[in-house]
Amino acid sequence: MKVYRKNNIISYLAPLKKQKKYMLRKITLSISLLAILSIISCKKEEESKPITPPRDVTEVRDENDAAITNYLKTHFHTFKNNEVVLDTIAGANANQTSLMDLVKTIEIDAYDANNKKVRHKLYYLPVQEGTGMKSSIADSVYIAYRGQLLKGIEFDRSVGYTQSNWFDLLGDVTNPNAINVIRGFRHSIAELKDSASEITVNVDGTIQTPTDGGVGVFFMPSRLAYFNTSKQSIPAYSPLMFTIHLIKTKRADHDRDGKPSLEEIQVDDYGIITYTNCDNDSHPDYLDADTCK
């Protein structure tokens, strides 16, 4: 497993809040401030460096949105040989269509230091519609990706095709040391369809992947990524962009109870997840094969 490759898009969720005793039927676990600010690092030289106290979430959101929209207005894309290339609208490319004229938006809530919801925009460029099943935020997905800062600096990319290209988008919210993808990345993949074709494992162990899966470029504010945490190649409060090729999607069943995990959580219109817990034990329903469900 290539730990370095995944290290730049993973974070760990803070421990679940203790529920009041009168909450008998469910626990509601909103993705709070600490849920996205914490990063787990497997290499000492890439340890996270949080800036404290964190800046105002609304202020940073507005700055990030201005930076993203400026990028979208001044850049265009080409797609050839299954590769997305982004470039500046200038000179010989002065008549190209800007990304701003092509992108769609997703509105996602994130919490500030006072536990108030602040609405953010995630912009995405649909490049190729997949031929298969649409993904969800609770799935297991096989992807290829590239992560960049708006300046064009690449901080991460997938290398080749191995089993480490599989990602569990929902992860384990009960484990403070679990490796889970950042929110913006999760919601990005959920906008894509996978390939209707299958992945082929060759005799020599190499993997052959179809090219008709969904492809998109996603632009996310820092509050949906690392916010006030800086990494070796990602400054704090940096908006990020990811080019993602979704190859295959599997409906995850984390507790193997025969019910997809997507059906054992509740997601509101702005991405806030409620992890129901029918027997009020230490594990939410999607991680517990409860008989009460």
Protein backbone atom coordinates (compact mmCIF):
# COMPACT_ATOMS: atom_id res chain seq x y z
CA MET A 1 0.00 0.00 0.00
CA LYS A 2 1.43 3.40 -0.99
CA VAL A 3 0.92 5.38 2.21
CA TYR A 4 2.56 8.57 0.88
CA ARG A 5 0.12 8.74 -2.02
CA LYS A 6 -2.90 8.71 0.23
CA ASN A 7 -1.39 10.88 2.92
CA ASN A 8 -2.31 14.16 1.28
CA ILE A 9 -6.04 13.52 1.06
CA ILE A 10 -6.72 11.83 4.37
CA SER A 11 -7.76 13.12 7.74
CA TYR A 12 -9.11 11.61 10.89
CA LEU A 13 -12.36 12.44 12.55
CA ALA A 14 -12.47 13.61 16.11
CA PRO A 15 -13.91 11.19 18.73
CA LEU A 16 -17.68 11.09 18.86
CA LYS A 17 -19.31 13.40 21.32
CA LYS A 18 -20.89 11.72 24.31
CA GLN A 19 -24.61 11.77 23.97
CA LYS A 20 -26.98 12.90 26.68
CA LYS A 21 -28.70 10.06 28.49
CA TYR A 22 -32.14 11.02 27.30
CA MET A 23 -31.10 10.41 23.71
CA LEU A 24 -32.40 6.85 23.53
CA ARG A 25 -32.85 6.11 19.87
CA LYS A 26 -30.11 7.78 17.89
CA ILE A 27 -26.92 9.76 17.97
CA THR A 28 -26.37 12.70 15.71
CA LEU A 29 -22.78 13.21 14.79
CA SER A 30 -22.26 16.32 12.69
CA ILE A 31 -18.96 16.83 10.96
CA SER A 32 -17.66 19.55 13.30
CA LEU A 33 -14.68 21.85 13.18
CA LEU A 34 -12.24 19.35 14.59
CA ALA A 35 -13.47 16.69 12.20
CA ILE A 36 -11.75 18.28 9.26
CA LEU A 37 -8.90 20.16 10.91
CA SER A 38 -7.14 17.02 12.14
CA ILE A 39 -4.75 15.19 9.85
CA ILE A 40 -2.97 11.92 10.47
CA SER A 41 0.53 11.63 9.03
CA CYS A 42 2.53 8.47 8.52
CA LYS A 43 5.83 10.23 7.81
CA LYS A 44 7.59 12.50 10.28
CA GLU A 45 8.62 14.98 7.62
CA GLU A 46 4.97 15.46 6.67
CA GLU A 47 3.51 15.98 10.13
CA SER A 48 0.57 18.36 10.17
CA LYS A 49 1.11 21.84 11.56
CA PRO A 50 -2.16 23.38 12.74
CA ILE A 51 -2.33 27.14 13.15
CA THR A 52 -4.07 28.15 16.37
CA PRO A 53 -6.36 29.79 16.99
CA PRO A 54 -7.97 29.11 13.61
CA ARG A 55 -9.20 32.02 11.52
CA ASP A 56 -12.86 32.91 11.12
CA VAL A 57 -14.51 30.30 8.90
CA THR A 58 -16.71 32.76 6.99
CA GLU A 59 -13.78 35.07 6.27
CA VAL A 60 -11.67 32.21 4.94
CA ARG A 61 -14.61 30.88 2.92
CA ASP A 62 -15.01 34.23 1.15
CA GLU A 63 -11.28 34.48 0.41
CA ASN A 64 -11.16 30.93 -0.92
CA ASP A 65 -14.24 31.45 -3.08
CA ALA A 66 -12.74 34.59 -4.61
CA ALA A 67 -9.51 32.73 -5.39
CA ILE A 68 -11.36 29.78 -6.91
CA THR A 69 -13.68 31.88 -9.08
CA ASN A 70 -10.73 33.95 -10.32
CA TYR A 71 -9.00 30.73 -11.36
CA LEU A 72 -12.14 29.49 -13.10
CA LYS A 73 -12.53 32.74 -15.04
CA THR A 74 -8.93 32.71 -16.28
CA HIS A 75 -8.42 29.05 -17.17
CA PHE A 76 -9.73 26.52 -19.69
CA HIS A 77 -9.35 22.77 -20.13
CA THR A 78 -8.71 20.15 -22.77
CA PHE A 79 -9.37 16.43 -22.52
CA LYS A 80 -7.40 14.06 -24.72
CA ASN A 81 -6.19 10.49 -24.30
CA ASN A 82 -8.04 10.32 -21.00
CA GLU A 83 -6.01 13.21 -19.58
CA VAL A 84 -7.31 16.58 -18.39
CA VAL A 85 -5.04 19.56 -19.05
CA LEU A 86 -5.72 22.97 -17.49
CA ASP A 87 -4.19 26.13 -18.94
CA THR A 88 -4.45 29.92 -18.82
CA ILE A 89 -6.69 31.82 -21.22
CA ALA A 90 -4.13 34.04 -22.95
CA GLY A 91 -2.34 34.55 -26.25
CA ALA A 92 -3.22 31.82 -28.74
CA ASN A 93 -5.76 30.51 -26.21
CA ALA A 94 -7.52 33.85 -25.72
CA ASN A 95 -10.76 32.60 -27.28
CA GLN A 96 -11.06 29.45 -25.20
CA THR A 97 -14.17 28.89 -23.05
CA SER A 98 -13.45 29.58 -19.39
CA LEU A 99 -14.01 26.96 -16.74
CA MET A 100 -16.40 29.40 -15.06
CA ASP A 101 -18.82 28.97 -17.97
CA LEU A 102 -18.78 25.19 -17.60
CA VAL A 103 -18.63 24.39 -13.89
CA LYS A 104 -21.45 23.33 -11.62
CA THR A 105 -21.66 23.92 -7.87
CA ILE A 106 -22.48 21.91 -4.79
CA GLU A 107 -23.42 23.69 -1.56
CA ILE A 108 -22.01 22.07 1.56
CA ASP A 109 -22.34 23.19 5.18
CA ALA A 110 -19.37 23.22 7.54
CA TYR A 111 -19.25 24.27 11.17
CA ASP A 112 -17.40 27.26 12.59
CA ALA A 113 -15.81 27.62 16.03
CA ASN A 114 -19.24 28.41 17.52
CA ASN A 115 -20.75 25.27 16.00
CA LYS A 116 -22.78 27.32 13.54
CA LYS A 117 -23.24 26.17 9.96
CA VAL A 118 -21.42 28.12 7.27
CA ARG A 119 -22.42 27.30 3.69
CA HIS A 120 -19.58 26.65 1.24
CA LYS A 121 -19.46 26.14 -2.52
CA LEU A 122 -17.61 23.26 -4.13
CA TYR A 123 -17.18 23.83 -7.88
CA TYR A 124 -16.81 20.96 -10.29
CA LEU A 125 -16.14 20.61 -13.98
CA PRO A 126 -17.86 17.57 -15.54
CA VAL A 127 -15.36 16.31 -18.11
CA GLN A 128 -16.68 12.85 -18.95
CA GLU A 129 -19.86 11.16 -17.78
CA GLY A 130 -19.30 7.60 -16.71
CA THR A 131 -21.20 4.75 -18.32
CA GLY A 132 -22.03 2.97 -15.08
CA MET A 133 -23.39 3.55 -11.57
CA LYS A 134 -23.40 6.89 -9.78
CA SER A 135 -21.32 6.90 -6.65
CA SER A 136 -22.34 8.06 -3.17
CA ILE A 137 -20.52 9.42 -0.12
CA ALA A 138 -20.79 6.02 1.59
CA ASP A 139 -19.23 3.88 -1.14
CA SER A 140 -15.93 2.16 -1.73
CA VAL A 141 -14.38 3.50 -4.92
CA TYR A 142 -11.49 2.68 -7.25
CA ILE A 143 -10.02 5.90 -8.59
CA ALA A 144 -7.09 7.66 -10.18
CA TYR A 145 -6.52 11.26 -9.11
CA ARG A 146 -4.25 14.28 -9.05
CA GLY A 147 -4.26 17.00 -6.39
CA GLN A 148 -3.03 20.54 -7.03
CA LEU A 149 -2.96 23.99 -5.49
CA LEU A 150 -4.54 26.77 -7.54
CA LYS A 151 -1.03 27.89 -8.49
CA GLY A 152 -0.73 24.63 -10.40
CA ILE A 153 1.66 23.02 -7.90
CA GLU A 154 0.97 19.30 -7.71
CA PHE A 155 1.01 17.94 -4.17
CA ASP A 156 -0.28 14.43 -4.77
CA ARG A 157 -1.30 11.95 -7.44
CA SER A 158 -2.08 8.27 -7.77
CA VAL A 159 0.68 6.22 -9.34
CA GLY A 160 -0.31 3.20 -11.41
CA TYR A 161 -3.19 0.90 -10.59
CA THR A 162 -3.01 -1.34 -7.52
CA GLN A 163 -5.30 -2.35 -4.67
CA SER A 164 -4.31 0.89 -2.92
CA ASN A 165 -6.44 2.78 -5.45
CA TRP A 166 -9.51 1.65 -3.49
CA PHE A 167 -10.86 4.25 -1.06
CA ASP A 168 -13.50 3.86 1.66
CA LEU A 169 -15.33 7.18 1.44
CA LEU A 170 -17.29 6.89 4.69
CA GLY A 171 -14.57 5.39 6.84
CA ASP A 172 -14.90 4.69 10.58
CA VAL A 173 -16.18 7.66 12.58
CA THR A 174 -15.74 5.85 15.91
CA ASN A 175 -11.97 5.47 15.58
CA PRO A 176 -9.93 8.67 16.14
CA ASN A 177 -6.97 7.01 14.41
CA ALA A 178 -8.89 5.80 11.37
CA ILE A 179 -7.82 7.06 7.97
CA ASN A 180 -10.72 8.78 6.23
CA VAL A 181 -10.93 11.01 3.18
CA ILE A 182 -11.55 14.74 3.54
CA ARG A 183 -15.12 15.93 3.06
CA GLY A 184 -14.54 17.79 -0.18
CA PHE A 185 -12.98 14.73 -1.76
CA ARG A 186 -15.85 12.52 -0.62
CA HIS A 187 -18.53 14.83 -2.01
CA SER A 188 -16.59 15.25 -5.25
CA ILE A 189 -16.52 11.55 -6.03
CA ALA A 190 -20.23 11.30 -5.22
CA GLU A 191 -20.92 13.48 -8.30
CA LEU A 192 -19.43 10.92 -10.69
CA LYS A 193 -20.57 7.71 -12.36
CA ASP A 194 -18.20 4.79 -12.64
CA SER A 195 -17.46 2.59 -15.67
CA ALA A 196 -19.93 -0.07 -16.77
CA SER A 197 -16.93 -2.25 -17.64
CA GLU A 198 -14.96 -4.35 -15.19
CA ILE A 199 -11.41 -4.03 -13.93
CA THR A 200 -9.19 -6.81 -15.29
CA VAL A 201 -6.42 -8.38 -13.22
CA ASN A 202 -3.83 -9.85 -15.58
CA VAL A 203 -1.90 -13.08 -15.03
CA ASP A 204 1.19 -11.12 -13.99
CA GLY A 205 -0.80 -9.30 -11.32
CA THR A 206 -1.03 -5.99 -13.17
CA ILE A 207 -4.40 -4.27 -13.37
CA GLN A 208 -6.07 -3.11 -16.56
CA THR A 209 -8.71 -0.43 -16.08
CA PRO A 210 -11.51 0.79 -18.36
CA THR A 211 -11.44 4.39 -19.57
CA ASP A 212 -15.18 5.07 -19.73
CA GLY A 213 -15.63 6.01 -16.07
CA GLY A 214 -16.58 9.48 -14.88
CA VAL A 215 -13.97 12.23 -14.98
CA GLY A 216 -14.22 15.60 -13.25
CA VAL A 217 -12.15 18.44 -11.87
CA PHE A 218 -13.19 19.66 -8.43
CA PHE A 219 -12.35 22.95 -6.70
CA MET A 220 -12.89 23.01 -2.94
CA PRO A 221 -12.47 25.65 -0.23
CA SER A 222 -10.06 24.85 2.58
CA ARG A 223 -12.84 24.26 5.12
CA LEU A 224 -13.76 21.14 3.13
CA ALA A 225 -10.10 20.08 3.14
CA TYR A 226 -7.43 20.96 5.75
CA PHE A 227 -8.43 24.49 6.77
CA ASN A 228 -5.89 25.74 9.37
CA THR A 229 -3.58 22.75 9.08
CA SER A 230 -0.53 23.11 6.88
CA LYS A 231 1.43 20.23 5.42
CA GLN A 232 4.78 20.10 3.75
CA SER A 233 3.29 20.95 0.37
CA ILE A 234 -0.09 22.44 1.34
CA PRO A 235 -0.17 25.80 3.15
CA ALA A 236 -2.91 26.38 5.72
CA TYR A 237 -6.20 27.76 4.37
CA SER A 238 -5.41 26.63 0.83
CA PRO A 239 -8.27 25.87 -1.57
CA LEU A 240 -7.50 22.69 -3.48
CA MET A 241 -8.36 21.18 -6.84
CA PHE A 242 -8.55 17.50 -7.68
CA THR A 243 -8.81 15.82 -11.05
CA ILE A 244 -10.58 12.52 -10.43
CA HIS A 245 -11.17 9.50 -12.65
CA LEU A 246 -13.79 7.24 -11.08
CA ILE A 247 -13.22 3.73 -12.36
CA LYS A 248 -15.40 1.49 -10.17
CA THR A 249 -17.87 1.93 -7.32
CA LYS A 250 -18.99 -0.65 -4.77
CA ARG A 251 -21.94 -0.12 -2.46
CA ALA A 252 -20.18 -0.49 0.87
CA ASP A 253 -21.68 -2.55 3.69
CA HIS A 254 -19.35 -1.78 6.58
CA ASP A 255 -21.03 -4.05 9.14
CA ARG A 256 -21.85 -6.80 6.60
CA ASP A 257 -25.48 -6.97 7.65
CA GLY A 258 -26.73 -7.10 4.08
CA LYS A 259 -27.82 -3.46 4.11
CA PRO A 260 -25.76 -0.82 2.26
CA SER A 261 -24.13 1.68 4.59
CA LEU A 262 -25.77 4.48 2.59
CA GLU A 263 -29.13 3.28 3.93
CA GLU A 264 -27.87 3.35 7.52
CA ILE A 265 -26.93 7.02 7.65
CA GLN A 266 -28.88 10.21 7.06
CA VAL A 267 -27.50 13.02 4.90
CA ASP A 268 -29.20 16.41 4.69
CA ASP A 269 -29.33 18.60 1.59
CA TYR A 270 -26.05 20.29 2.49
CA GLY A 271 -23.89 17.30 3.30
CA ILE A 272 -24.26 17.06 7.08
CA ILE A 273 -24.32 13.41 8.09
CA THR A 274 -26.37 11.96 10.94
CA TYR A 275 -25.12 8.57 12.07
CA THR A 276 -28.18 6.83 13.49
CA ASN A 277 -27.76 4.32 16.33
CA CYS A 278 -30.89 2.29 16.97
CA ASP A 279 -29.64 0.56 20.12
CA ASN A 280 -27.69 3.55 21.47
CA ASP A 281 -24.46 1.61 21.88
CA SER A 282 -20.91 2.67 21.03
CA HIS A 283 -21.24 2.07 17.28
CA PRO A 284 -23.58 3.78 14.81
CA ASP A 285 -25.83 1.57 12.71
CA TYR A 286 -23.59 1.42 9.65
CA LEU A 287 -20.82 -0.13 11.78
CA ASP A 288 -23.06 -2.36 13.89
CA ALA A 289 -25.15 -5.30 12.68
CA ASP A 290 -27.88 -4.35 15.13
CA THR A 291 -30.90 -6.59 15.43
CA CYS A 292 -33.10 -3.58 16.20
CA LYS A 293 -32.78 -2.13 12.68
